[in-house]
Amino acid sequence: MILALDTTITPDLQRKALARQLVHQVQMMRKEARLNVEDRIRISVDAHGEAAETIEEHSLYICTETLAVELRCGAPPKDWMAREVDLEEARVNLAVIRA
């Protein structure tokens, strides 16, 4: 039996990977902020171009995985925990706060 595996990374797979990376970064920030696992949060992402489109496309997934009640685009408010993170080839400003 011969088995062939297609290792092509499609644009759709790349977008899903970026969304998963964002979820991972949010979860790391939750841990750093000492939030409880069940705590609801708000997320702010300042991204541009394809990264911003991907985040919007996968916003339901991101909110579900992180227990976010809000996912806003743009610069975060001053009192939120914020950091600059690398997602694939995009650099975005990510911020979280307990809801």
N, C-alpha and C. Protein backbone atom coordinates (compact mmCIF):
# COMPACT_ATOMS: atom_id res chain seq x y z
N MET A 1 0.84 -1.16 0.00
CA MET A 1 0.00 0.00 0.00
C MET A 1 0.90 1.24 0.00
N ILE A 2 0.57 2.17 -0.86
CA ILE A 2 1.30 3.44 -0.94
C ILE A 2 0.36 4.53 -0.47
N LEU A 3 0.90 5.39 0.36
CA LEU A 3 0.11 6.47 0.93
C LEU A 3 0.79 7.79 0.58
N ALA A 4 0.02 8.73 0.08
CA ALA A 4 0.56 10.05 -0.25
C ALA A 4 -0.04 11.07 0.72
N LEU A 5 0.82 11.94 1.19
CA LEU A 5 0.38 12.97 2.13
C LEU A 5 0.64 14.33 1.51
N ASP A 6 -0.41 15.10 1.38
CA ASP A 6 -0.28 16.45 0.81
C ASP A 6 0.07 17.40 1.94
N THR A 7 1.25 17.99 1.90
CA THR A 7 1.71 18.89 2.96
C THR A 7 1.58 20.36 2.56
N THR A 8 0.79 20.62 1.56
CA THR A 8 0.57 21.99 1.11
C THR A 8 -0.20 22.77 2.18
N ILE A 9 0.32 23.92 2.52
CA ILE A 9 -0.36 24.78 3.47
C ILE A 9 -1.17 25.80 2.67
N THR A 10 -2.47 25.61 2.71
CA THR A 10 -3.36 26.49 1.96
C THR A 10 -3.56 27.81 2.71
N PRO A 11 -4.02 28.83 2.03
CA PRO A 11 -4.33 30.10 2.72
C PRO A 11 -5.31 29.91 3.87
N ASP A 12 -6.29 29.02 3.70
CA ASP A 12 -7.26 28.76 4.76
C ASP A 12 -6.58 28.17 5.99
N LEU A 13 -5.67 27.23 5.79
CA LEU A 13 -4.93 26.64 6.91
C LEU A 13 -4.04 27.69 7.58
N GLN A 14 -3.45 28.57 6.82
CA GLN A 14 -2.62 29.63 7.39
C GLN A 14 -3.44 30.55 8.28
N ARG A 15 -4.65 30.89 7.83
CA ARG A 15 -5.52 31.75 8.63
C ARG A 15 -5.95 31.06 9.92
N LYS A 16 -6.27 29.77 9.84
CA LYS A 16 -6.64 29.02 11.04
C LYS A 16 -5.47 28.95 12.01
N ALA A 17 -4.27 28.77 11.49
CA ALA A 17 -3.08 28.72 12.35
C ALA A 17 -2.86 30.05 13.06
N LEU A 18 -3.08 31.15 12.35
CA LEU A 18 -2.93 32.47 12.96
C LEU A 18 -3.95 32.65 14.09
N ALA A 19 -5.16 32.22 13.87
CA ALA A 19 -6.20 32.33 14.91
C ALA A 19 -5.82 31.48 16.12
N ARG A 20 -5.31 30.28 15.90
CA ARG A 20 -4.87 29.42 17.01
C ARG A 20 -3.71 30.05 17.76
N GLN A 21 -2.79 30.70 17.04
CA GLN A 21 -1.67 31.37 17.70
C GLN A 21 -2.17 32.52 18.57
N LEU A 22 -3.16 33.25 18.08
CA LEU A 22 -3.73 34.34 18.87
C LEU A 22 -4.36 33.79 20.15
N VAL A 23 -5.11 32.71 20.03
CA VAL A 23 -5.72 32.08 21.20
C VAL A 23 -4.64 31.69 22.20
N HIS A 24 -3.56 31.10 21.72
CA HIS A 24 -2.45 30.70 22.60
C HIS A 24 -1.87 31.91 23.33
N GLN A 25 -1.66 33.00 22.62
CA GLN A 25 -1.11 34.21 23.23
C GLN A 25 -2.06 34.77 24.30
N VAL A 26 -3.36 34.75 24.01
CA VAL A 26 -4.35 35.22 24.98
C VAL A 26 -4.31 34.34 26.22
N GLN A 27 -4.24 33.03 26.03
CA GLN A 27 -4.22 32.12 27.17
C GLN A 27 -2.97 32.34 28.02
N MET A 28 -1.84 32.62 27.39
CA MET A 28 -0.62 32.91 28.14
C MET A 28 -0.77 34.21 28.94
N MET A 29 -1.41 35.20 28.34
CA MET A 29 -1.63 36.46 29.04
C MET A 29 -2.61 36.27 30.21
N ARG A 30 -3.62 35.43 30.03
CA ARG A 30 -4.56 35.13 31.12
C ARG A 30 -3.79 34.54 32.30
N LYS A 31 -2.92 33.60 32.00
CA LYS A 31 -2.14 32.95 33.05
C LYS A 31 -1.24 33.97 33.76
N GLU A 32 -0.58 34.79 32.98
CA GLU A 32 0.31 35.82 33.54
C GLU A 32 -0.46 36.81 34.42
N ALA A 33 -1.69 37.12 34.04
CA ALA A 33 -2.52 38.05 34.80
C ALA A 33 -3.19 37.35 36.00
N ARG A 34 -2.93 36.07 36.15
CA ARG A 34 -3.48 35.26 37.25
C ARG A 34 -5.01 35.24 37.26
N LEU A 35 -5.56 35.19 36.06
CA LEU A 35 -7.01 35.06 35.95
C LEU A 35 -7.41 33.60 36.14
N ASN A 36 -8.58 33.38 36.68
CA ASN A 36 -9.09 32.01 36.83
C ASN A 36 -9.49 31.48 35.47
N VAL A 37 -9.47 30.17 35.34
CA VAL A 37 -9.80 29.52 34.06
C VAL A 37 -11.20 29.90 33.59
N GLU A 38 -12.13 30.06 34.53
CA GLU A 38 -13.52 30.35 34.17
C GLU A 38 -13.81 31.84 34.01
N ASP A 39 -12.85 32.70 34.28
CA ASP A 39 -13.07 34.15 34.15
C ASP A 39 -13.37 34.55 32.71
N ARG A 40 -14.38 35.37 32.55
CA ARG A 40 -14.68 35.96 31.24
C ARG A 40 -13.75 37.15 31.05
N ILE A 41 -13.35 37.38 29.80
CA ILE A 41 -12.42 38.46 29.51
C ILE A 41 -12.89 39.29 28.33
N ARG A 42 -12.22 40.41 28.14
CA ARG A 42 -12.37 41.24 26.95
C ARG A 42 -11.00 41.23 26.26
N ILE A 43 -11.01 41.20 24.94
CA ILE A 43 -9.78 41.17 24.16
C ILE A 43 -9.77 42.36 23.21
N SER A 44 -8.62 42.98 23.07
CA SER A 44 -8.42 44.03 22.09
C SER A 44 -7.22 43.64 21.23
N VAL A 45 -7.38 43.72 19.92
CA VAL A 45 -6.30 43.39 19.00
C VAL A 45 -6.14 44.53 18.01
N ASP A 46 -4.94 45.07 17.96
CA ASP A 46 -4.61 46.10 16.99
C ASP A 46 -3.79 45.43 15.90
N ALA A 47 -4.45 45.07 14.81
CA ALA A 47 -3.81 44.36 13.71
C ALA A 47 -4.21 45.04 12.40
N HIS A 48 -3.43 44.78 11.37
CA HIS A 48 -3.68 45.39 10.08
C HIS A 48 -3.61 44.34 8.97
N GLY A 49 -4.21 44.68 7.85
CA GLY A 49 -4.12 43.85 6.66
C GLY A 49 -4.74 42.48 6.84
N GLU A 50 -4.03 41.48 6.34
CA GLU A 50 -4.54 40.11 6.36
C GLU A 50 -4.73 39.58 7.78
N ALA A 51 -3.87 39.99 8.71
CA ALA A 51 -4.03 39.54 10.11
C ALA A 51 -5.35 40.03 10.67
N ALA A 52 -5.69 41.28 10.42
CA ALA A 52 -6.96 41.84 10.91
C ALA A 52 -8.14 41.10 10.27
N GLU A 53 -8.06 40.81 9.00
CA GLU A 53 -9.13 40.08 8.31
C GLU A 53 -9.29 38.68 8.89
N THR A 54 -8.18 38.03 9.17
CA THR A 54 -8.21 36.68 9.73
C THR A 54 -8.83 36.68 11.12
N ILE A 55 -8.47 37.65 11.94
CA ILE A 55 -9.02 37.73 13.29
C ILE A 55 -10.52 37.96 13.23
N GLU A 56 -10.96 38.82 12.33
CA GLU A 56 -12.39 39.05 12.17
C GLU A 56 -13.10 37.78 11.69
N GLU A 57 -12.49 37.09 10.74
CA GLU A 57 -13.07 35.86 10.19
C GLU A 57 -13.23 34.77 11.26
N HIS A 58 -12.28 34.70 12.17
CA HIS A 58 -12.27 33.64 13.19
C HIS A 58 -12.63 34.17 14.58
N SER A 59 -13.33 35.29 14.65
CA SER A 59 -13.64 35.91 15.94
C SER A 59 -14.47 35.01 16.84
N LEU A 60 -15.43 34.29 16.31
CA LEU A 60 -16.25 33.39 17.12
C LEU A 60 -15.39 32.30 17.76
N TYR A 61 -14.52 31.70 16.98
CA TYR A 61 -13.60 30.68 17.49
C TYR A 61 -12.72 31.26 18.60
N ILE A 62 -12.15 32.43 18.36
CA ILE A 62 -11.26 33.08 19.34
C ILE A 62 -12.01 33.35 20.64
N CYS A 63 -13.19 33.91 20.53
CA CYS A 63 -13.99 34.22 21.73
C CYS A 63 -14.40 32.96 22.48
N THR A 64 -14.80 31.94 21.76
CA THR A 64 -15.21 30.68 22.39
C THR A 64 -14.05 30.04 23.14
N GLU A 65 -12.90 29.98 22.51
CA GLU A 65 -11.74 29.31 23.11
C GLU A 65 -11.16 30.08 24.31
N THR A 66 -11.36 31.37 24.35
CA THR A 66 -10.75 32.19 25.41
C THR A 66 -11.77 32.70 26.44
N LEU A 67 -13.04 32.35 26.27
CA LEU A 67 -14.13 32.84 27.11
C LEU A 67 -14.23 34.36 27.06
N ALA A 68 -14.00 34.92 25.89
CA ALA A 68 -14.09 36.37 25.72
C ALA A 68 -15.53 36.78 25.44
N VAL A 69 -15.96 37.82 26.13
CA VAL A 69 -17.29 38.37 25.88
C VAL A 69 -17.23 39.50 24.87
N GLU A 70 -16.00 39.91 24.55
CA GLU A 70 -15.81 40.99 23.58
C GLU A 70 -14.45 40.82 22.90
N LEU A 71 -14.45 41.02 21.60
CA LEU A 71 -13.21 41.05 20.82
C LEU A 71 -13.26 42.33 20.01
N ARG A 72 -12.49 43.31 20.42
CA ARG A 72 -12.51 44.61 19.74
C ARG A 72 -11.24 44.78 18.92
N CYS A 73 -11.36 45.57 17.87
CA CYS A 73 -10.23 45.89 17.02
C CYS A 73 -9.77 47.31 17.32
N GLY A 74 -8.48 47.50 17.26
CA GLY A 74 -7.92 48.83 17.50
C GLY A 74 -7.04 48.84 18.72
N ALA A 75 -6.52 50.02 19.01
CA ALA A 75 -5.61 50.19 20.15
C ALA A 75 -6.35 49.90 21.46
N PRO A 76 -5.69 49.22 22.40
CA PRO A 76 -6.34 48.89 23.66
C PRO A 76 -6.42 50.08 24.60
N PRO A 77 -7.40 50.08 25.49
CA PRO A 77 -7.46 51.11 26.53
C PRO A 77 -6.21 51.02 27.41
N LYS A 78 -5.88 52.11 28.04
CA LYS A 78 -4.64 52.22 28.83
C LYS A 78 -4.55 51.24 29.99
N ASP A 79 -5.66 50.91 30.64
CA ASP A 79 -5.60 50.09 31.84
C ASP A 79 -5.65 48.58 31.56
N TRP A 80 -5.60 48.18 30.30
CA TRP A 80 -5.62 46.77 29.95
C TRP A 80 -4.19 46.21 29.94
N MET A 81 -4.04 44.92 30.23
CA MET A 81 -2.75 44.26 30.11
C MET A 81 -2.47 44.09 28.62
N ALA A 82 -1.37 44.67 28.15
CA ALA A 82 -1.10 44.68 26.70
C ALA A 82 0.33 44.25 26.41
N ARG A 83 0.49 43.72 25.21
CA ARG A 83 1.82 43.38 24.72
C ARG A 83 1.80 43.24 23.20
N GLU A 84 2.96 43.34 22.63
CA GLU A 84 3.11 43.15 21.19
C GLU A 84 3.49 41.68 20.98
N VAL A 85 2.79 41.00 20.07
CA VAL A 85 3.05 39.59 19.82
C VAL A 85 3.22 39.34 18.33
N ASP A 86 3.96 38.29 18.03
CA ASP A 86 4.15 37.85 16.64
C ASP A 86 3.18 36.72 16.34
N LEU A 87 2.41 36.89 15.29
CA LEU A 87 1.51 35.86 14.79
C LEU A 87 1.90 35.58 13.36
N GLU A 88 2.49 34.42 13.13
CA GLU A 88 3.01 34.12 11.80
C GLU A 88 3.95 35.25 11.39
N GLU A 89 3.62 35.94 10.33
CA GLU A 89 4.48 37.03 9.88
C GLU A 89 3.91 38.39 10.26
N ALA A 90 2.89 38.39 11.10
CA ALA A 90 2.25 39.64 11.50
C ALA A 90 2.62 39.97 12.95
N ARG A 91 2.83 41.23 13.21
CA ARG A 91 3.08 41.71 14.57
C ARG A 91 1.85 42.52 14.96
N VAL A 92 1.21 42.13 16.07
CA VAL A 92 -0.02 42.79 16.50
C VAL A 92 0.11 43.21 17.97
N ASN A 93 -0.68 44.19 18.35
CA ASN A 93 -0.79 44.59 19.75
C ASN A 93 -2.02 43.89 20.31
N LEU A 94 -1.81 43.14 21.38
CA LEU A 94 -2.85 42.33 21.98
C LEU A 94 -3.04 42.78 23.42
N ALA A 95 -4.28 42.90 23.86
CA ALA A 95 -4.55 43.31 25.24
C ALA A 95 -5.75 42.53 25.77
N VAL A 96 -5.72 42.26 27.08
CA VAL A 96 -6.83 41.58 27.73
C VAL A 96 -7.14 42.24 29.07
N ILE A 97 -8.38 42.04 29.51
CA ILE A 97 -8.80 42.49 30.83
C ILE A 97 -9.97 41.60 31.26
N ARG A 98 -10.11 41.41 32.55
CA ARG A 98 -11.24 40.64 33.07
C ARG A 98 -12.53 41.40 32.76
N ALA A 99 -13.54 40.67 32.34
CA ALA A 99 -14.83 41.31 31.99
C ALA A 99 -15.61 41.65 33.24
